[in-house]
PDB file of N, CA and C in Angstrom:
ATOM      1  N   MET A   1     -25.708  10.826 -25.261  1.00  0.00           N
ATOM      2  CA  MET A   1     -24.278  10.840 -24.995  1.00  0.00           C
ATOM      3  C   MET A   1     -23.760   9.432 -24.714  1.00  0.00           C
ATOM      4  N   VAL A   2     -24.484   8.684 -23.877  1.00  0.00           N
ATOM      5  CA  VAL A   2     -24.063   7.330 -23.539  1.00  0.00           C
ATOM      6  C   VAL A   2     -24.035   6.461 -24.784  1.00  0.00           C
ATOM      7  N   ASN A   3     -25.046   6.581 -25.637  1.00  0.00           N
ATOM      8  CA  ASN A   3     -25.094   5.781 -26.864  1.00  0.00           C
ATOM      9  C   ASN A   3     -23.932   6.103 -27.787  1.00  0.00           C
ATOM     10  N   ILE A   4     -23.582   7.357 -27.899  1.00  0.00           N
ATOM     11  CA  ILE A   4     -22.442   7.757 -28.736  1.00  0.00           C
ATOM     12  C   ILE A   4     -21.160   7.150 -28.179  1.00  0.00           C
ATOM     13  N   THR A   5     -20.991   7.243 -26.877  1.00  0.00           N
ATOM     14  CA  THR A   5     -19.795   6.686 -26.238  1.00  0.00           C
ATOM     15  C   THR A   5     -19.719   5.185 -26.460  1.00  0.00           C
ATOM     16  N   ARG A   6     -20.836   4.510 -26.330  1.00  0.00           N
ATOM     17  CA  ARG A   6     -20.855   3.057 -26.544  1.00  0.00           C
ATOM     18  C   ARG A   6     -20.484   2.698 -27.972  1.00  0.00           C
ATOM     19  N   ARG A   7     -20.923   3.495 -28.928  1.00  0.00           N
ATOM     20  CA  ARG A   7     -20.584   3.217 -30.317  1.00  0.00           C
ATOM     21  C   ARG A   7     -19.106   3.444 -30.581  1.00  0.00           C
ATOM     22  N   ILE A   8     -18.541   4.440 -29.943  1.00  0.00           N
ATOM     23  CA  ILE A   8     -17.130   4.770 -30.164  1.00  0.00           C
ATOM     24  C   ILE A   8     -16.222   3.770 -29.460  1.00  0.00           C
ATOM     25  N   ILE A   9     -16.579   3.399 -28.254  1.00  0.00           N
ATOM     26  CA  ILE A   9     -15.737   2.505 -27.454  1.00  0.00           C
ATOM     27  C   ILE A   9     -16.417   1.142 -27.377  1.00  0.00           C
ATOM     28  N   SER A  10     -15.793   0.140 -27.916  1.00  0.00           N
ATOM     29  CA  SER A  10     -16.362  -1.208 -27.863  1.00  0.00           C
ATOM     30  C   SER A  10     -16.222  -1.782 -26.459  1.00  0.00           C
ATOM     31  N   GLU A  11     -17.014  -2.817 -26.168  1.00  0.00           N
ATOM     32  CA  GLU A  11     -16.925  -3.462 -24.853  1.00  0.00           C
ATOM     33  C   GLU A  11     -15.531  -4.027 -24.607  1.00  0.00           C
ATOM     34  N   GLU A  12     -14.914  -4.537 -25.642  1.00  0.00           N
ATOM     35  CA  GLU A  12     -13.564  -5.091 -25.507  1.00  0.00           C
ATOM     36  C   GLU A  12     -12.583  -4.015 -25.062  1.00  0.00           C
ATOM     37  N   ASN A  13     -12.694  -2.836 -25.645  1.00  0.00           N
ATOM     38  CA  ASN A  13     -11.808  -1.734 -25.255  1.00  0.00           C
ATOM     39  C   ASN A  13     -12.078  -1.290 -23.820  1.00  0.00           C
ATOM     40  N   ILE A  14     -13.338  -1.297 -23.423  1.00  0.00           N
ATOM     41  CA  ILE A  14     -13.680  -0.928 -22.048  1.00  0.00           C
ATOM     42  C   ILE A  14     -13.074  -1.947 -21.084  1.00  0.00           C
ATOM     43  N   GLU A  15     -13.209  -3.228 -21.416  1.00  0.00           N
ATOM     44  CA  GLU A  15     -12.639  -4.265 -20.555  1.00  0.00           C
ATOM     45  C   GLU A  15     -11.127  -4.134 -20.461  1.00  0.00           C
ATOM     46  N   ARG A  16     -10.474  -3.897 -21.589  1.00  0.00           N
ATOM     47  CA  ARG A  16      -9.018  -3.708 -21.570  1.00  0.00           C
ATOM     48  C   ARG A  16      -8.646  -2.480 -20.751  1.00  0.00           C
ATOM     49  N   GLY A  17      -9.426  -1.424 -20.917  1.00  0.00           N
ATOM     50  CA  GLY A  17      -9.174  -0.207 -20.153  1.00  0.00           C
ATOM     51  C   GLY A  17      -9.330  -0.422 -18.662  1.00  0.00           C
ATOM     52  N   MET A  18     -10.351  -1.170 -18.269  1.00  0.00           N
ATOM     53  CA  MET A  18     -10.565  -1.455 -16.848  1.00  0.00           C
ATOM     54  C   MET A  18      -9.436  -2.311 -16.283  1.00  0.00           C
ATOM     55  N   VAL A  19      -9.001  -3.308 -17.048  1.00  0.00           N
ATOM     56  CA  VAL A  19      -7.883  -4.149 -16.602  1.00  0.00           C
ATOM     57  C   VAL A  19      -6.639  -3.290 -16.412  1.00  0.00           C
ATOM     58  N   LYS A  20      -6.381  -2.415 -17.368  1.00  0.00           N
ATOM     59  CA  LYS A  20      -5.209  -1.534 -17.286  1.00  0.00           C
ATOM     60  C   LYS A  20      -5.324  -0.593 -16.085  1.00  0.00           C
ATOM     61  N   LEU A  21      -6.507  -0.044 -15.879  1.00  0.00           N
ATOM     62  CA  LEU A  21      -6.744   0.854 -14.751  1.00  0.00           C
ATOM     63  C   LEU A  21      -6.515   0.135 -13.422  1.00  0.00           C
ATOM     64  N   LEU A  22      -7.061  -1.059 -13.280  1.00  0.00           N
ATOM     65  CA  LEU A  22      -6.876  -1.830 -12.046  1.00  0.00           C
ATOM     66  C   LEU A  22      -5.417  -2.213 -11.832  1.00  0.00           C
ATOM     67  N   TYR A  23      -4.741  -2.601 -12.901  1.00  0.00           N
ATOM     68  CA  TYR A  23      -3.321  -2.943 -12.802  1.00  0.00           C
ATOM     69  C   TYR A  23      -2.508  -1.729 -12.340  1.00  0.00           C
ATOM     70  N   ASN A  24      -2.756  -0.585 -12.975  1.00  0.00           N
ATOM     71  CA  ASN A  24      -2.005   0.626 -12.625  1.00  0.00           C
ATOM     72  C   ASN A  24      -2.276   1.069 -11.190  1.00  0.00           C
ATOM     73  N   GLU A  25      -3.523   0.961 -10.743  1.00  0.00           N
ATOM     74  CA  GLU A  25      -3.856   1.345  -9.371  1.00  0.00           C
ATOM     75  C   GLU A  25      -3.192   0.398  -8.367  1.00  0.00           C
ATOM     76  N   THR A  26      -3.163  -0.886  -8.695  1.00  0.00           N
ATOM     77  CA  THR A  26      -2.499  -1.857  -7.821  1.00  0.00           C
ATOM     78  C   THR A  26      -1.008  -1.576  -7.737  1.00  0.00           C
ATOM     79  N   ARG A  27      -0.384  -1.279  -8.854  1.00  0.00           N
ATOM     80  CA  ARG A  27       1.048  -0.938  -8.870  1.00  0.00           C
ATOM     81  C   ARG A  27       1.306   0.330  -8.052  1.00  0.00           C
ATOM     82  N   ARG A  28       0.430   1.321  -8.192  1.00  0.00           N
ATOM     83  CA  ARG A  28       0.583   2.577  -7.453  1.00  0.00           C
ATOM     84  C   ARG A  28       0.512   2.314  -5.951  1.00  0.00           C
ATOM     85  N   LYS A  29      -0.459   1.506  -5.521  1.00  0.00           N
ATOM     86  CA  LYS A  29      -0.583   1.195  -4.101  1.00  0.00           C
ATOM     87  C   LYS A  29       0.630   0.412  -3.601  1.00  0.00           C
ATOM     88  N   LEU A  30       1.130  -0.520  -4.412  1.00  0.00           N
ATOM     89  CA  LEU A  30       2.309  -1.290  -4.019  1.00  0.00           C
ATOM     90  C   LEU A  30       3.504  -0.368  -3.814  1.00  0.00           C
ATOM     91  N   VAL A  31       3.711   0.564  -4.731  1.00  0.00           N
ATOM     92  CA  VAL A  31       4.819   1.518  -4.603  1.00  0.00           C
ATOM     93  C   VAL A  31       4.642   2.362  -3.344  1.00  0.00           C
ATOM     94  N   GLU A  32       3.415   2.790  -3.074  1.00  0.00           N
ATOM     95  CA  GLU A  32       3.128   3.582  -1.870  1.00  0.00           C
ATOM     96  C   GLU A  32       3.445   2.779  -0.601  1.00  0.00           C
ATOM     97  N   TYR A  33       3.013   1.528  -0.567  1.00  0.00           N
ATOM     98  CA  TYR A  33       3.281   0.671   0.596  1.00  0.00           C
ATOM     99  C   TYR A  33       4.779   0.415   0.763  1.00  0.00           C
ATOM    100  N   GLU A  34       5.465   0.150  -0.334  1.00  0.00           N
ATOM    101  CA  GLU A  34       6.910  -0.104  -0.259  1.00  0.00           C
ATOM    102  C   GLU A  34       7.666   1.135   0.219  1.00  0.00           C
ATOM    103  N   LEU A  35       7.244   2.305  -0.222  1.00  0.00           N
ATOM    104  CA  LEU A  35       7.874   3.551   0.225  1.00  0.00           C
ATOM    105  C   LEU A  35       7.659   3.745   1.727  1.00  0.00           C
ATOM    106  N   GLN A  36       6.441   3.508   2.177  1.00  0.00           N
ATOM    107  CA  GLN A  36       6.141   3.627   3.615  1.00  0.00           C
ATOM    108  C   GLN A  36       6.995   2.649   4.419  1.00  0.00           C
ATOM    109  N   ASP A  37       7.109   1.426   3.946  1.00  0.00           N
ATOM    110  CA  ASP A  37       7.914   0.403   4.620  1.00  0.00           C
ATOM    111  C   ASP A  37       9.377   0.834   4.697  1.00  0.00           C
ATOM    112  N   ARG A  38       9.929   1.297   3.584  1.00  0.00           N
ATOM    113  CA  ARG A  38      11.338   1.740   3.559  1.00  0.00           C
ATOM    114  C   ARG A  38      11.570   2.936   4.474  1.00  0.00           C
ATOM    115  N   ASN A  39      10.667   3.909   4.429  1.00  0.00           N
ATOM    116  CA  ASN A  39      10.836   5.107   5.255  1.00  0.00           C
ATOM    117  C   ASN A  39      10.801   4.781   6.747  1.00  0.00           C
ATOM    118  N   LEU A  40       9.886   3.923   7.149  1.00  0.00           N
ATOM    119  CA  LEU A  40       9.803   3.568   8.570  1.00  0.00           C
ATOM    120  C   LEU A  40      10.959   2.667   8.991  1.00  0.00           C
ATOM    121  N   ALA A  41      11.398   1.784   8.114  1.00  0.00           N
ATOM    122  CA  ALA A  41      12.573   0.950   8.420  1.00  0.00           C
ATOM    123  C   ALA A  41      13.800   1.835   8.604  1.00  0.00           C
ATOM    124  N   LYS A  42      13.912   2.861   7.785  1.00  0.00           N
ATOM    125  CA  LYS A  42      15.036   3.799   7.904  1.00  0.00           C
ATOM    126  C   LYS A  42      14.914   4.619   9.195  1.00  0.00           C
ATOM    127  N   LYS A  43      13.714   5.106   9.483  1.00  0.00           N
ATOM    128  CA  LYS A  43      13.480   5.927  10.676  1.00  0.00           C
ATOM    129  C   LYS A  43      13.845   5.175  11.957  1.00  0.00           C
ATOM    130  N   TYR A  44      13.464   3.906  12.036  1.00  0.00           N
ATOM    131  CA  TYR A  44      13.707   3.127  13.249  1.00  0.00           C
ATOM    132  C   TYR A  44      14.920   2.205  13.142  1.00  0.00           C
ATOM    133  N   ALA A  45      15.587   2.226  12.003  1.00  0.00           N
ATOM    134  CA  ALA A  45      16.803   1.429  11.757  1.00  0.00           C
ATOM    135  C   ALA A  45      16.586  -0.066  12.015  1.00  0.00           C
ATOM    136  N   MET A  46      15.418  -0.558  11.596  1.00  0.00           N
ATOM    137  CA  MET A  46      15.108  -1.987  11.731  1.00  0.00           C
ATOM    138  C   MET A  46      13.901  -2.315  10.869  1.00  0.00           C
ATOM    139  N   SER A  47      13.687  -3.605  10.681  1.00  0.00           N
ATOM    140  CA  SER A  47      12.520  -4.052   9.920  1.00  0.00           C
ATOM    141  C   SER A  47      11.272  -3.992  10.803  1.00  0.00           C
ATOM    142  N   PHE A  48      10.118  -4.111  10.167  1.00  0.00           N
ATOM    143  CA  PHE A  48       8.865  -4.133  10.917  1.00  0.00           C
ATOM    144  C   PHE A  48       8.827  -5.313  11.887  1.00  0.00           C
ATOM    145  N   GLU A  49       9.297  -6.460  11.423  1.00  0.00           N
ATOM    146  CA  GLU A  49       9.309  -7.651  12.268  1.00  0.00           C
ATOM    147  C   GLU A  49      10.172  -7.431  13.513  1.00  0.00           C
ATOM    148  N   GLU A  50      11.343  -6.822  13.329  1.00  0.00           N
ATOM    149  CA  GLU A  50      12.219  -6.517  14.471  1.00  0.00           C
ATOM    150  C   GLU A  50      11.546  -5.515  15.405  1.00  0.00           C
ATOM    151  N   PHE A  51      10.913  -4.508  14.832  1.00  0.00           N
ATOM    152  CA  PHE A  51      10.218  -3.483  15.607  1.00  0.00           C
ATOM    153  C   PHE A  51       9.164  -4.123  16.511  1.00  0.00           C
ATOM    154  N   ARG A  52       8.407  -5.040  15.933  1.00  0.00           N
ATOM    155  CA  ARG A  52       7.350  -5.715  16.694  1.00  0.00           C
ATOM    156  C   ARG A  52       7.946  -6.659  17.744  1.00  0.00           C
ATOM    157  N   GLU A  53       8.916  -7.488  17.348  1.00  0.00           N
ATOM    158  CA  GLU A  53       9.520  -8.462  18.264  1.00  0.00           C
ATOM    159  C   GLU A  53      10.227  -7.794  19.439  1.00  0.00           C
ATOM    160  N   MET A  54      10.825  -6.630  19.188  1.00  0.00           N
ATOM    161  CA  MET A  54      11.547  -5.921  20.252  1.00  0.00           C
ATOM    162  C   MET A  54      10.617  -5.057  21.109  1.00  0.00           C
ATOM    163  N   LYS A  55       9.314  -5.099  20.785  1.00  0.00           N
ATOM    164  CA  LYS A  55       8.304  -4.335  21.527  1.00  0.00           C
ATOM    165  C   LYS A  55       8.689  -2.862  21.642  1.00  0.00           C
ATOM    166  N   MET A  56       9.015  -2.284  20.487  1.00  0.00           N
ATOM    167  CA  MET A  56       9.493  -0.906  20.460  1.00  0.00           C
ATOM    168  C   MET A  56       8.436   0.107  20.887  1.00  0.00           C
ATOM    169  N   ILE A  57       7.172  -0.183  20.674  1.00  0.00           N
ATOM    170  CA  ILE A  57       6.130   0.748  21.123  1.00  0.00           C
ATOM    171  C   ILE A  57       6.247   0.945  22.627  1.00  0.00           C
ATOM    172  N   GLU A  58       6.397  -0.145  23.341  1.00  0.00           N
ATOM    173  CA  GLU A  58       6.545  -0.083  24.799  1.00  0.00           C
ATOM    174  C   GLU A  58       7.848   0.616  25.174  1.00  0.00           C
ATOM    175  N   LYS A  59       8.942   0.227  24.513  1.00  0.00           N
ATOM    176  CA  LYS A  59      10.251   0.808  24.835  1.00  0.00           C
ATOM    177  C   LYS A  59      10.307   2.305  24.559  1.00  0.00           C
ATOM    178  N   LEU A  60       9.529   2.750  23.572  1.00  0.00           N
ATOM    179  CA  LEU A  60       9.539   4.171  23.222  1.00  0.00           C
ATOM    180  C   LEU A  60       8.424   4.948  23.920  1.00  0.00           C
ATOM    181  N   GLY A  61       7.772   4.333  24.876  1.00  0.00           N
ATOM    182  CA  GLY A  61       6.843   5.046  25.748  1.00  0.00           C
ATOM    183  C   GLY A  61       5.433   5.239  25.220  1.00  0.00           C
ATOM    184  N   TYR A  62       4.990   4.421  24.297  1.00  0.00           N
ATOM    185  CA  TYR A  62       3.610   4.483  23.800  1.00  0.00           C
ATOM    186  C   TYR A  62       3.216   5.875  23.304  1.00  0.00           C
ATOM    187  N   THR A  63       4.132   6.559  22.662  1.00  0.00           N
ATOM    188  CA  THR A  63       3.807   7.903  22.171  1.00  0.00           C
ATOM    189  C   THR A  63       2.864   7.813  20.973  1.00  0.00           C
ATOM    190  N   TRP A  64       2.148   8.910  20.743  1.00  0.00           N
ATOM    191  CA  TRP A  64       1.219   8.991  19.610  1.00  0.00           C
ATOM    192  C   TRP A  64       1.951   8.720  18.298  1.00  0.00           C
ATOM    193  N   GLU A  65       3.112   9.325  18.123  1.00  0.00           N
ATOM    194  CA  GLU A  65       3.878   9.163  16.886  1.00  0.00           C
ATOM    195  C   GLU A  65       4.263   7.702  16.647  1.00  0.00           C
ATOM    196  N   VAL A  66       4.749   7.044  17.684  1.00  0.00           N
ATOM    197  CA  VAL A  66       5.187   5.653  17.545  1.00  0.00           C
ATOM    198  C   VAL A  66       3.990   4.740  17.278  1.00  0.00           C
ATOM    199  N   GLU A  67       2.897   4.961  17.980  1.00  0.00           N
ATOM    200  CA  GLU A  67       1.686   4.161  17.756  1.00  0.00           C
ATOM    201  C   GLU A  67       1.181   4.338  16.322  1.00  0.00           C
ATOM    202  N   LYS A  68       1.167   5.585  15.859  1.00  0.00           N
ATOM    203  CA  LYS A  68       0.709   5.883  14.497  1.00  0.00           C
ATOM    204  C   LYS A  68       1.643   5.245  13.467  1.00  0.00           C
ATOM    205  N   ASP A  69       2.940   5.361  13.692  1.00  0.00           N
ATOM    206  CA  ASP A  69       3.912   4.739  12.787  1.00  0.00           C
ATOM    207  C   ASP A  69       3.703   3.231  12.725  1.00  0.00           C
ATOM    208  N   TYR A  70       3.484   2.622  13.883  1.00  0.00           N
ATOM    209  CA  TYR A  70       3.269   1.172  13.921  1.00  0.00           C
ATOM    210  C   TYR A  70       2.040   0.781  13.093  1.00  0.00           C
ATOM    211  N   GLN A  71       0.956   1.507  13.275  1.00  0.00           N
ATOM    212  CA  GLN A  71      -0.265   1.197  12.530  1.00  0.00           C
ATOM    213  C   GLN A  71      -0.057   1.373  11.030  1.00  0.00           C
ATOM    214  N   ASN A  72       0.571   2.475  10.639  1.00  0.00           N
ATOM    215  CA  ASN A  72       0.835   2.711   9.217  1.00  0.00           C
ATOM    216  C   ASN A  72       1.777   1.653   8.644  1.00  0.00           C
ATOM    217  N   TRP A  73       2.759   1.273   9.426  1.00  0.00           N
ATOM    218  CA  TRP A  73       3.728   0.268   8.995  1.00  0.00           C
ATOM    219  C   TRP A  73       3.046  -1.089   8.818  1.00  0.00           C
ATOM    220  N   GLU A  74       2.183  -1.425   9.770  1.00  0.00           N
ATOM    221  CA  GLU A  74       1.454  -2.693   9.693  1.00  0.00           C
ATOM    222  C   GLU A  74       0.548  -2.723   8.454  1.00  0.00           C
ATOM    223  N   ILE A  75      -0.124  -1.622   8.174  1.00  0.00           N
ATOM    224  CA  ILE A  75      -0.966  -1.522   6.981  1.00  0.00           C
ATOM    225  C   ILE A  75      -0.120  -1.683   5.723  1.00  0.00           C
ATOM    226  N   ALA A  76       1.033  -1.025   5.694  1.00  0.00           N
ATOM    227  CA  ALA A  76       1.924  -1.118   4.532  1.00  0.00           C
ATOM    228  C   ALA A  76       2.414  -2.549   4.333  1.00  0.00           C
ATOM    229  N   ARG A  77       2.863  -3.198   5.388  1.00  0.00           N
ATOM    230  CA  ARG A  77       3.357  -4.578   5.274  1.00  0.00           C
ATOM    231  C   ARG A  77       2.238  -5.521   4.826  1.00  0.00           C
ATOM    232  N   ASP A  78       1.055  -5.352   5.386  1.00  0.00           N
ATOM    233  CA  ASP A  78      -0.080  -6.182   4.993  1.00  0.00           C
ATOM    234  C   ASP A  78      -0.443  -5.937   3.525  1.00  0.00           C
ATOM    235  N   GLY A  79      -0.415  -4.676   3.109  1.00  0.00           N
ATOM    236  CA  GLY A  79      -0.702  -4.346   1.716  1.00  0.00           C
ATOM    237  C   GLY A  79       0.292  -4.977   0.759  1.00  0.00           C
ATOM    238  N   ILE A  80       1.565  -4.927   1.107  1.00  0.00           N
ATOM    239  CA  ILE A  80       2.610  -5.533   0.269  1.00  0.00           C
ATOM    240  C   ILE A  80       2.372  -7.034   0.158  1.00  0.00           C
ATOM    241  N   GLU A  81       2.140  -7.671   1.282  1.00  0.00           N
ATOM    242  CA  GLU A  81       1.926  -9.126   1.280  1.00  0.00           C
ATOM    243  C   GLU A  81       0.680  -9.505   0.487  1.00  0.00           C
ATOM    244  N   THR A  82      -0.385  -8.742   0.625  1.00  0.00           N
ATOM    245  CA  THR A  82      -1.627  -9.028  -0.091  1.00  0.00           C
ATOM    246  C   THR A  82      -1.448  -8.878  -1.594  1.00  0.00           C
ATOM    247  N   ILE A  83      -0.810  -7.815  -2.021  1.00  0.00           N
ATOM    248  CA  ILE A  83      -0.617  -7.567  -3.450  1.00  0.00           C
ATOM    249  C   ILE A  83       0.318  -8.595  -4.061  1.00  0.00           C
ATOM    250  N   MET A  84       1.324  -9.009  -3.313  1.00  0.00           N
ATOM    251  CA  MET A  84       2.323  -9.927  -3.863  1.00  0.00           C
ATOM    252  C   MET A  84       1.853 -11.387  -3.896  1.00  0.00           C
ATOM    253  N   LEU A  85       0.688 -11.688  -3.332  1.00  0.00           N
ATOM    254  CA  LEU A  85       0.169 -13.069  -3.354  1.00  0.00           C
ATOM    255  C   LEU A  85      -0.054 -13.548  -4.761  1.00  0.00           C
TER     256      LEU A  85
END
């Protein structure tokens, strides 16, 4: 089976396919991170930077929801910055 597949699909096509797959996965993750960033900015009516500078976790009483949102937001912002480099 592997030999048949290798004969049908050249190495060049595999490389192009892998590049396309990686590109599409990166775009998908970027869209996911941007959506998370927008949703949390809308929920708290401020940017992540403002949220952090205003110490909103403390102001909102260190609740599980706020802590979780902060962590998810930080991951999303870091993901956006990493992908956009």
